[in-house]
Amino acid sequence: MKKRFNLAELQPKAYKAMLGFEAYLQSSDLSKQHINLIKIRASQINNCAYCLNMHTEEALKNGETQQRLFLISAWRETNLFTDEEKNILALTEETTLIHQHGVSDSVYDISVKLFGENYVAQMIMAIIAINGWNRIAISTHLPID
């Protein structure tokens, strides 16, 4: 891939705001495992190699298994994920692909029932954040180290 500009250098205030968004998520009620699932699934959908590389490494360090990582994109076809995790993956998919049909009432309602409004709001913010990071990495050709 052709090397492109460094967004953090050209727009440090905007990049700092994104880092602040990330700091907020790390201080939220979201578990590391849930954040990992969100970041990995959204990055798969967006085909962001940079973020997939980063977040699968983080997930392994946080105790995630290789088998589950291999099967995140096929989560509907396995019993390796809990009902709560399946809901998180569904919400991540529908929010990431919001242009297709929005977030369905069924996924939203199940999310709120399982987690409560505050946790769902934090999940939505995490999904928004990783989609932003994916777009930064893809549009600027961030290299995988």
Protein backbone atom coordinates (compact mmCIF):
# COMPACT_ATOMS: atom_id res chain seq x y z
CA MET A 1 0.00 0.00 0.00
CA LYS A 2 1.08 3.52 -0.73
CA LYS A 3 2.19 5.43 2.35
CA ARG A 4 -0.18 8.25 3.32
CA PHE A 5 -0.02 11.14 5.76
CA ASN A 6 0.00 10.69 9.52
CA LEU A 7 -3.34 11.98 10.78
CA ALA A 8 -2.10 12.32 14.37
CA GLU A 9 0.64 14.69 13.19
CA LEU A 10 -1.56 16.74 10.84
CA GLN A 11 -4.61 16.95 13.11
CA PRO A 12 -3.33 16.52 16.67
CA LYS A 13 -6.39 18.06 18.33
CA ALA A 14 -8.77 15.74 16.50
CA TYR A 15 -6.57 12.74 17.22
CA LYS A 16 -6.35 13.74 20.89
CA ALA A 17 -10.16 13.87 20.97
CA MET A 18 -10.29 10.30 19.63
CA LEU A 19 -7.80 9.22 22.30
CA GLY A 20 -10.03 10.90 24.88
CA PHE A 21 -12.97 8.91 23.53
CA GLU A 22 -10.90 5.76 23.99
CA ALA A 23 -9.95 6.76 27.54
CA TYR A 24 -13.64 7.26 28.34
CA LEU A 25 -14.39 3.73 27.12
CA GLN A 26 -11.61 2.25 29.22
CA SER A 27 -13.12 3.92 32.30
CA SER A 28 -16.67 2.84 31.44
CA ASP A 29 -18.53 -0.14 32.89
CA LEU A 30 -17.79 -2.22 29.78
CA SER A 31 -15.75 -5.33 30.45
CA LYS A 32 -12.50 -5.80 28.54
CA GLN A 33 -13.96 -8.93 26.97
CA HIS A 34 -17.02 -7.06 25.71
CA ILE A 35 -14.88 -4.22 24.36
CA ASN A 36 -12.68 -6.76 22.58
CA LEU A 37 -15.68 -8.44 20.94
CA ILE A 38 -17.00 -5.08 19.75
CA LYS A 39 -13.66 -3.92 18.38
CA ILE A 40 -12.89 -7.18 16.61
CA ARG A 41 -16.32 -7.68 15.04
CA ALA A 42 -16.60 -4.10 13.77
CA SER A 43 -13.05 -4.28 12.41
CA GLN A 44 -13.89 -7.54 10.60
CA ILE A 45 -16.93 -5.95 8.99
CA ASN A 46 -14.90 -2.89 7.96
CA ASN A 47 -11.94 -5.00 6.76
CA CYS A 48 -9.52 -3.05 8.91
CA ALA A 49 -6.36 -5.13 9.12
CA TYR A 50 -4.58 -2.63 11.37
CA CYS A 51 -7.32 -2.71 14.02
CA LEU A 52 -7.87 -6.46 13.71
CA ASN A 53 -4.18 -7.05 14.33
CA MET A 54 -4.15 -4.74 17.34
CA HIS A 55 -7.37 -5.90 18.97
CA THR A 56 -6.90 -9.64 18.49
CA GLU A 57 -3.50 -9.31 20.20
CA GLU A 58 -5.17 -7.37 23.04
CA ALA A 59 -7.90 -10.00 23.33
CA LEU A 60 -5.34 -12.80 23.61
CA LYS A 61 -3.51 -10.86 26.34
CA ASN A 62 -6.87 -10.41 28.13
CA GLY A 63 -7.46 -14.18 28.14
CA GLU A 64 -9.53 -14.69 25.00
CA THR A 65 -9.02 -18.04 23.28
CA GLN A 66 -7.78 -18.47 19.75
CA GLN A 67 -10.75 -20.67 18.89
CA ARG A 68 -13.24 -17.96 19.83
CA LEU A 69 -11.23 -15.34 17.93
CA PHE A 70 -11.24 -17.54 14.83
CA LEU A 71 -15.01 -17.91 15.04
CA ILE A 72 -16.20 -14.39 15.88
CA SER A 73 -17.32 -13.76 12.32
CA ALA A 74 -19.37 -17.00 12.45
CA TRP A 75 -20.76 -16.45 15.95
CA ARG A 76 -24.28 -17.48 14.95
CA GLU A 77 -23.01 -20.95 13.99
CA THR A 78 -21.32 -21.84 17.27
CA ASN A 79 -22.12 -22.31 20.94
CA LEU A 80 -18.81 -20.76 22.03
CA PHE A 81 -20.46 -17.42 22.81
CA THR A 82 -22.97 -16.70 25.56
CA ASP A 83 -26.37 -15.19 24.83
CA GLU A 84 -25.04 -11.87 26.14
CA GLU A 85 -22.01 -12.02 23.84
CA LYS A 86 -24.19 -12.94 20.87
CA ASN A 87 -26.31 -9.89 21.58
CA ILE A 88 -23.20 -7.69 21.74
CA LEU A 89 -22.07 -9.06 18.39
CA ALA A 90 -25.54 -8.50 16.87
CA LEU A 91 -25.67 -4.92 18.18
CA THR A 92 -22.16 -4.33 16.83
CA GLU A 93 -23.11 -5.63 13.40
CA GLU A 94 -26.35 -3.66 13.15
CA THR A 95 -24.74 -0.43 14.38
CA THR A 96 -21.70 -0.82 12.11
CA LEU A 97 -23.98 -1.57 9.15
CA ILE A 98 -26.56 1.00 10.23
CA HIS A 99 -27.11 2.14 6.65
CA GLN A 100 -28.72 -1.22 5.81
CA HIS A 101 -31.69 -1.24 8.18
CA GLY A 102 -30.69 0.56 11.36
CA VAL A 103 -30.68 -1.20 14.71
CA SER A 104 -33.68 -3.52 14.92
CA ASP A 105 -36.13 -3.24 17.77
CA SER A 106 -35.49 -6.88 18.66
CA VAL A 107 -31.71 -6.44 19.07
CA TYR A 108 -32.18 -3.16 20.93
CA ASP A 109 -34.86 -4.55 23.24
CA ILE A 110 -32.84 -7.67 24.07
CA SER A 111 -29.77 -5.50 24.71
CA VAL A 112 -31.62 -3.32 27.19
CA LYS A 113 -33.20 -6.36 28.86
CA LEU A 114 -29.82 -8.11 29.23
CA PHE A 115 -27.64 -5.13 30.15
CA GLY A 116 -29.75 -2.09 31.03
CA GLU A 117 -29.85 1.24 29.23
CA ASN A 118 -26.58 2.63 30.63
CA TYR A 119 -24.50 -0.38 29.57
CA VAL A 120 -26.15 -0.41 26.12
CA ALA A 121 -25.38 3.29 25.72
CA GLN A 122 -21.74 2.53 26.53
CA MET A 123 -21.72 -0.36 24.04
CA ILE A 124 -23.07 1.94 21.33
CA MET A 125 -20.34 4.48 22.12
CA ALA A 126 -17.71 1.72 21.87
CA ILE A 127 -19.10 0.67 18.49
CA ILE A 128 -19.03 4.28 17.28
CA ALA A 129 -15.43 4.67 18.48
CA ILE A 130 -14.07 1.57 16.75
CA ASN A 131 -15.85 2.48 13.53
CA GLY A 132 -14.09 5.85 13.71
CA TRP A 133 -10.72 4.22 14.34
CA ASN A 134 -11.33 1.79 11.45
CA ARG A 135 -11.97 4.68 9.11
CA ILE A 136 -8.84 6.47 10.25
CA ALA A 137 -6.67 3.35 9.81
CA ILE A 138 -8.11 2.41 6.43
CA SER A 139 -8.20 5.89 4.88
CA THR A 140 -4.61 6.67 5.93
CA HIS A 141 -3.18 3.18 5.27
CA LEU A 142 -1.84 2.67 8.79
CA PRO A 143 0.80 -0.04 8.51
CA ILE A 144 0.75 -3.18 10.61
CA ASP A 145 3.90 -3.26 12.69
